[in-house]
């Protein structure tokens, strides 16, 4: 997506613990990265502000939320604090305090930032589905991608059906502990 994509068509999912040590170091890293790449008002979300430490890895939750942004067209705001703490670096960041509707085709990249025990920091870059499809079409051709779309339609239908049943409470979880 190049520098232009990073500067104007990206967002960050911060680890967002809000603890005094981590909020300072993480916000400093993100703010400095934005400064170095010439990014102004970089949208920052933090799904952990809703989930805390889920059973899964924090970065996994962030990846799922990023995919949700591209599927549903909104960035989750950090609603757990009315304002940034005084020690949060945010000169180049737009730390979202409200959910934000967006056109998912105008967001090409998500950066998922996670901090490990002891303050280790790692960031994964996710390309938007529309970017990945474009790359695949360029490599494999339109006919191959059309054939994939046709084969994938049954998967999409089954997924939508399962989602509707689960939402209605008609699809109990499958639990197979100690089988096989």
C-alpha atoms as a PDB file:
ATOM      1  CA  UNK A   1       0.000   0.000   0.000  1.00  0.00           C
ATOM      2  CA  UNK A   2       3.070   2.218   0.166  1.00  0.00           C
ATOM      3  CA  UNK A   3       3.684   5.208   2.361  1.00  0.00           C
ATOM      4  CA  UNK A   4       0.508   6.923   1.129  1.00  0.00           C
ATOM      5  CA  UNK A   5      -1.578   3.966   2.287  1.00  0.00           C
ATOM      6  CA  UNK A   6       0.120   3.984   5.669  1.00  0.00           C
ATOM      7  CA  UNK A   7      -0.253   7.745   6.091  1.00  0.00           C
ATOM      8  CA  UNK A   8      -3.896   8.102   5.088  1.00  0.00           C
ATOM      9  CA  UNK A   9      -5.516   4.670   4.957  1.00  0.00           C
ATOM     10  CA  UNK A  10      -4.474   2.881   8.139  1.00  0.00           C
ATOM     11  CA  UNK A  11      -5.486   2.510  11.763  1.00  0.00           C
ATOM     12  CA  UNK A  12      -3.976   1.044  14.908  1.00  0.00           C
ATOM     13  CA  UNK A  13      -5.337  -1.435  17.394  1.00  0.00           C
ATOM     14  CA  UNK A  14      -3.370  -0.596  20.518  1.00  0.00           C
ATOM     15  CA  UNK A  15      -2.800  -3.069  23.312  1.00  0.00           C
ATOM     16  CA  UNK A  16      -4.430  -0.341  25.367  1.00  0.00           C
ATOM     17  CA  UNK A  17      -4.028  -1.660  28.890  1.00  0.00           C
ATOM     18  CA  UNK A  18      -4.244   1.825  30.345  1.00  0.00           C
ATOM     19  CA  UNK A  19      -1.735   0.960  33.052  1.00  0.00           C
ATOM     20  CA  UNK A  20       0.651   3.831  33.847  1.00  0.00           C
ATOM     21  CA  UNK A  21       3.760   2.098  32.503  1.00  0.00           C
ATOM     22  CA  UNK A  22       2.223   0.559  29.402  1.00  0.00           C
ATOM     23  CA  UNK A  23       0.125   3.549  28.325  1.00  0.00           C
ATOM     24  CA  UNK A  24       3.203   5.770  28.374  1.00  0.00           C
ATOM     25  CA  UNK A  25       5.498   3.403  26.479  1.00  0.00           C
ATOM     26  CA  UNK A  26       2.904   2.247  23.966  1.00  0.00           C
ATOM     27  CA  UNK A  27       1.600   5.728  23.209  1.00  0.00           C
ATOM     28  CA  UNK A  28       5.183   6.990  22.846  1.00  0.00           C
ATOM     29  CA  UNK A  29       6.027   4.233  20.334  1.00  0.00           C
ATOM     30  CA  UNK A  30       2.864   4.847  18.295  1.00  0.00           C
ATOM     31  CA  UNK A  31       3.144   8.624  18.401  1.00  0.00           C
ATOM     32  CA  UNK A  32       6.804   8.543  17.389  1.00  0.00           C
ATOM     33  CA  UNK A  33       6.059   6.092  14.561  1.00  0.00           C
ATOM     34  CA  UNK A  34       3.323   8.408  13.310  1.00  0.00           C
ATOM     35  CA  UNK A  35       5.686  11.383  13.489  1.00  0.00           C
ATOM     36  CA  UNK A  36       8.436   9.588  11.569  1.00  0.00           C
ATOM     37  CA  UNK A  37       6.061   8.500   8.796  1.00  0.00           C
ATOM     38  CA  UNK A  38       4.352  11.896   8.575  1.00  0.00           C
ATOM     39  CA  UNK A  39       1.015  10.591   9.872  1.00  0.00           C
ATOM     40  CA  UNK A  40      -1.345  13.092  11.440  1.00  0.00           C
ATOM     41  CA  UNK A  41      -4.335  12.051  13.551  1.00  0.00           C
ATOM     42  CA  UNK A  42      -3.666   8.312  13.263  1.00  0.00           C
ATOM     43  CA  UNK A  43      -6.862   6.523  14.407  1.00  0.00           C
ATOM     44  CA  UNK A  44      -6.171   4.398  17.496  1.00  0.00           C
ATOM     45  CA  UNK A  45      -8.616   1.786  18.830  1.00  0.00           C
ATOM     46  CA  UNK A  46      -8.184  -0.640  21.730  1.00  0.00           C
ATOM     47  CA  UNK A  47     -10.594  -3.570  21.873  1.00  0.00           C
ATOM     48  CA  UNK A  48      -8.952  -4.571  25.164  1.00  0.00           C
ATOM     49  CA  UNK A  49     -10.705  -1.613  26.752  1.00  0.00           C
ATOM     50  CA  UNK A  50     -13.858  -3.732  26.341  1.00  0.00           C
ATOM     51  CA  UNK A  51     -12.471  -7.234  26.849  1.00  0.00           C
ATOM     52  CA  UNK A  52      -9.586  -6.910  29.271  1.00  0.00           C
ATOM     53  CA  UNK A  53      -7.592 -10.110  29.084  1.00  0.00           C
ATOM     54  CA  UNK A  54      -9.814 -12.571  27.287  1.00  0.00           C
ATOM     55  CA  UNK A  55      -9.052 -16.270  27.224  1.00  0.00           C
ATOM     56  CA  UNK A  56      -7.317 -15.745  23.879  1.00  0.00           C
ATOM     57  CA  UNK A  57      -4.231 -13.737  23.119  1.00  0.00           C
ATOM     58  CA  UNK A  58      -4.790  -9.985  23.062  1.00  0.00           C
ATOM     59  CA  UNK A  59      -3.420  -9.742  19.532  1.00  0.00           C
ATOM     60  CA  UNK A  60      -5.920 -12.385  18.391  1.00  0.00           C
ATOM     61  CA  UNK A  61      -8.773 -10.248  19.703  1.00  0.00           C
ATOM     62  CA  UNK A  62      -7.296  -7.265  17.868  1.00  0.00           C
ATOM     63  CA  UNK A  63      -7.014  -9.207  14.602  1.00  0.00           C
ATOM     64  CA  UNK A  64     -10.668 -10.283  14.864  1.00  0.00           C
ATOM     65  CA  UNK A  65     -11.750  -6.702  15.585  1.00  0.00           C
ATOM     66  CA  UNK A  66      -9.743  -5.420  12.626  1.00  0.00           C
ATOM     67  CA  UNK A  67     -11.497  -7.923  10.369  1.00  0.00           C
ATOM     68  CA  UNK A  68     -14.761  -6.725  11.894  1.00  0.00           C
ATOM     69  CA  UNK A  69     -13.892  -3.148  10.958  1.00  0.00           C
ATOM     70  CA  UNK A  70     -13.534  -4.192   7.331  1.00  0.00           C
ATOM     71  CA  UNK A  71     -16.702  -6.320   7.472  1.00  0.00           C
ATOM     72  CA  UNK A  72     -18.982  -3.836   9.247  1.00  0.00           C
ATOM     73  CA  UNK A  73     -17.501  -0.371   8.659  1.00  0.00           C
ATOM     74  CA  UNK A  74     -16.764   0.980  12.113  1.00  0.00           C
ATOM     75  CA  UNK A  75     -13.801   1.557  14.364  1.00  0.00           C
ATOM     76  CA  UNK A  76     -14.405   0.914  18.079  1.00  0.00           C
ATOM     77  CA  UNK A  77     -13.848   3.862  20.350  1.00  0.00           C
ATOM     78  CA  UNK A  78     -12.103   3.623  23.709  1.00  0.00           C
ATOM     79  CA  UNK A  79     -15.058   4.428  25.952  1.00  0.00           C
ATOM     80  CA  UNK A  80     -13.480   3.567  29.305  1.00  0.00           C
ATOM     81  CA  UNK A  81     -11.892   6.970  29.912  1.00  0.00           C
ATOM     82  CA  UNK A  82     -13.240  10.434  29.152  1.00  0.00           C
ATOM     83  CA  UNK A  83      -9.839  11.778  28.083  1.00  0.00           C
ATOM     84  CA  UNK A  84      -6.196  10.813  27.718  1.00  0.00           C
ATOM     85  CA  UNK A  85      -4.094  10.743  30.849  1.00  0.00           C
ATOM     86  CA  UNK A  86      -1.568  13.566  31.020  1.00  0.00           C
ATOM     87  CA  UNK A  87       1.333  11.167  30.367  1.00  0.00           C
ATOM     88  CA  UNK A  88      -0.111   9.734  27.123  1.00  0.00           C
ATOM     89  CA  UNK A  89       1.737  10.790  23.968  1.00  0.00           C
ATOM     90  CA  UNK A  90      -0.838  11.747  21.341  1.00  0.00           C
ATOM     91  CA  UNK A  91       0.508  14.599  19.229  1.00  0.00           C
ATOM     92  CA  UNK A  92       0.073  12.565  16.032  1.00  0.00           C
ATOM     93  CA  UNK A  93      -2.627  10.160  17.248  1.00  0.00           C
ATOM     94  CA  UNK A  94      -6.397  10.303  17.183  1.00  0.00           C
ATOM     95  CA  UNK A  95      -7.255   8.153  20.177  1.00  0.00           C
ATOM     96  CA  UNK A  96     -10.907   7.459  19.457  1.00  0.00           C
ATOM     97  CA  UNK A  97     -13.278   8.269  22.321  1.00  0.00           C
ATOM     98  CA  UNK A  98     -16.386   7.306  20.334  1.00  0.00           C
ATOM     99  CA  UNK A  99     -17.113   4.567  17.835  1.00  0.00           C
ATOM    100  CA  UNK A 100     -16.501   5.855  14.327  1.00  0.00           C
ATOM    101  CA  UNK A 101     -18.335   4.805  11.198  1.00  0.00           C
ATOM    102  CA  UNK A 102     -16.011   4.393   8.247  1.00  0.00           C
ATOM    103  CA  UNK A 103     -15.916   3.213   4.675  1.00  0.00           C
ATOM    104  CA  UNK A 104     -13.970  -0.053   5.022  1.00  0.00           C
ATOM    105  CA  UNK A 105     -12.664   0.271   1.460  1.00  0.00           C
ATOM    106  CA  UNK A 106     -10.867   3.442   2.560  1.00  0.00           C
ATOM    107  CA  UNK A 107      -8.827   1.576   5.182  1.00  0.00           C
ATOM    108  CA  UNK A 108      -6.061  -0.534   3.651  1.00  0.00           C
ATOM    109  CA  UNK A 109      -3.958  -1.423   6.689  1.00  0.00           C
ATOM    110  CA  UNK A 110      -4.411  -2.243  10.355  1.00  0.00           C
ATOM    111  CA  UNK A 111      -1.474  -2.289  12.718  1.00  0.00           C
ATOM    112  CA  UNK A 112      -2.062  -4.600  15.664  1.00  0.00           C
ATOM    113  CA  UNK A 113       0.161  -3.657  18.582  1.00  0.00           C
ATOM    114  CA  UNK A 114       0.639  -6.034  21.491  1.00  0.00           C
ATOM    115  CA  UNK A 115       2.810  -5.818  24.562  1.00  0.00           C
ATOM    116  CA  UNK A 116       4.157  -8.869  26.308  1.00  0.00           C
ATOM    117  CA  UNK A 117       5.084  -9.374  29.907  1.00  0.00           C
ATOM    118  CA  UNK A 118       7.830  -6.971  30.896  1.00  0.00           C
ATOM    119  CA  UNK A 119       6.801  -4.417  28.260  1.00  0.00           C
ATOM    120  CA  UNK A 120       8.004  -6.223  25.125  1.00  0.00           C
ATOM    121  CA  UNK A 121       6.356  -4.656  22.116  1.00  0.00           C
ATOM    122  CA  UNK A 122       5.410  -6.244  18.783  1.00  0.00           C
ATOM    123  CA  UNK A 123       3.299  -5.001  15.912  1.00  0.00           C
ATOM    124  CA  UNK A 124       1.694  -7.047  13.140  1.00  0.00           C
ATOM    125  CA  UNK A 125       0.536  -5.489   9.900  1.00  0.00           C
ATOM    126  CA  UNK A 126      -2.761  -6.667   8.413  1.00  0.00           C
ATOM    127  CA  UNK A 127      -3.787  -5.880   4.881  1.00  0.00           C
ATOM    128  CA  UNK A 128      -7.467  -5.249   4.267  1.00  0.00           C
ATOM    129  CA  UNK A 129      -9.421  -7.963   2.464  1.00  0.00           C
ATOM    130  CA  UNK A 130      -9.942  -5.673  -0.553  1.00  0.00           C
ATOM    131  CA  UNK A 131      -6.178  -5.138  -0.772  1.00  0.00           C
ATOM    132  CA  UNK A 132      -5.471  -8.873  -0.490  1.00  0.00           C
ATOM    133  CA  UNK A 133      -8.092  -9.685  -3.164  1.00  0.00           C
ATOM    134  CA  UNK A 134      -6.536  -7.118  -5.499  1.00  0.00           C
ATOM    135  CA  UNK A 135      -3.093  -8.657  -4.962  1.00  0.00           C
ATOM    136  CA  UNK A 136      -4.448 -12.156  -5.605  1.00  0.00           C
ATOM    137  CA  UNK A 137      -6.309 -11.056  -8.719  1.00  0.00           C
ATOM    138  CA  UNK A 138      -3.149  -9.437 -10.035  1.00  0.00           C
ATOM    139  CA  UNK A 139      -1.222 -12.644  -9.454  1.00  0.00           C
ATOM    140  CA  UNK A 140      -3.785 -15.309 -10.443  1.00  0.00           C
ATOM    141  CA  UNK A 141      -6.085 -13.450 -12.839  1.00  0.00           C
ATOM    142  CA  UNK A 142      -9.722 -12.426 -12.909  1.00  0.00           C
ATOM    143  CA  UNK A 143     -11.011 -15.834 -14.070  1.00  0.00           C
ATOM    144  CA  UNK A 144      -9.368 -17.642 -11.149  1.00  0.00           C
ATOM    145  CA  UNK A 145     -10.767 -15.123  -8.664  1.00  0.00           C
ATOM    146  CA  UNK A 146     -14.260 -15.366 -10.192  1.00  0.00           C
ATOM    147  CA  UNK A 147     -14.078 -19.155  -9.853  1.00  0.00           C
ATOM    148  CA  UNK A 148     -12.995 -18.786  -6.220  1.00  0.00           C
ATOM    149  CA  UNK A 149     -15.905 -16.398  -5.528  1.00  0.00           C
ATOM    150  CA  UNK A 150     -18.348 -18.923  -6.991  1.00  0.00           C
ATOM    151  CA  UNK A 151     -16.917 -21.779  -4.891  1.00  0.00           C
ATOM    152  CA  UNK A 152     -16.876 -19.574  -1.795  1.00  0.00           C
ATOM    153  CA  UNK A 153     -20.575 -18.663  -2.051  1.00  0.00           C
ATOM    154  CA  UNK A 154     -21.620 -21.928  -0.354  1.00  0.00           C
ATOM    155  CA  UNK A 155     -19.221 -21.174   2.504  1.00  0.00           C
ATOM    156  CA  UNK A 156     -20.643 -17.663   2.903  1.00  0.00           C
ATOM    157  CA  UNK A 157     -24.201 -19.018   2.929  1.00  0.00           C
ATOM    158  CA  UNK A 158     -23.380 -21.669   5.547  1.00  0.00           C
ATOM    159  CA  UNK A 159     -21.570 -19.081   7.664  1.00  0.00           C
ATOM    160  CA  UNK A 160     -24.493 -16.649   7.533  1.00  0.00           C
ATOM    161  CA  UNK A 161     -26.908 -19.466   8.433  1.00  0.00           C
ATOM    162  CA  UNK A 162     -24.790 -20.516  11.420  1.00  0.00           C
ATOM    163  CA  UNK A 163     -24.482 -16.895  12.557  1.00  0.00           C
ATOM    164  CA  UNK A 164     -28.256 -16.446  12.418  1.00  0.00           C
ATOM    165  CA  UNK A 165     -28.834 -19.677  14.385  1.00  0.00           C
ATOM    166  CA  UNK A 166     -26.175 -18.775  16.981  1.00  0.00           C
ATOM    167  CA  UNK A 167     -27.612 -15.279  17.395  1.00  0.00           C
ATOM    168  CA  UNK A 168     -31.060 -16.795  17.962  1.00  0.00           C
ATOM    169  CA  UNK A 169     -29.627 -19.246  20.528  1.00  0.00           C
ATOM    170  CA  UNK A 170     -30.342 -22.243  18.272  1.00  0.00           C
ATOM    171  CA  UNK A 171     -26.738 -23.360  17.700  1.00  0.00           C
ATOM    172  CA  UNK A 172     -25.290 -24.730  20.936  1.00  0.00           C
ATOM    173  CA  UNK A 173     -21.506 -24.783  21.247  1.00  0.00           C
ATOM    174  CA  UNK A 174     -19.762 -28.007  20.298  1.00  0.00           C
ATOM    175  CA  UNK A 175     -17.786 -29.374  23.218  1.00  0.00           C
ATOM    176  CA  UNK A 176     -15.711 -32.508  22.609  1.00  0.00           C
ATOM    177  CA  UNK A 177     -13.277 -32.578  25.496  1.00  0.00           C
ATOM    178  CA  UNK A 178     -11.355 -35.841  25.776  1.00  0.00           C
ATOM    179  CA  UNK A 179     -12.926 -37.400  22.686  1.00  0.00           C
ATOM    180  CA  UNK A 180     -10.649 -39.124  20.226  1.00  0.00           C
END
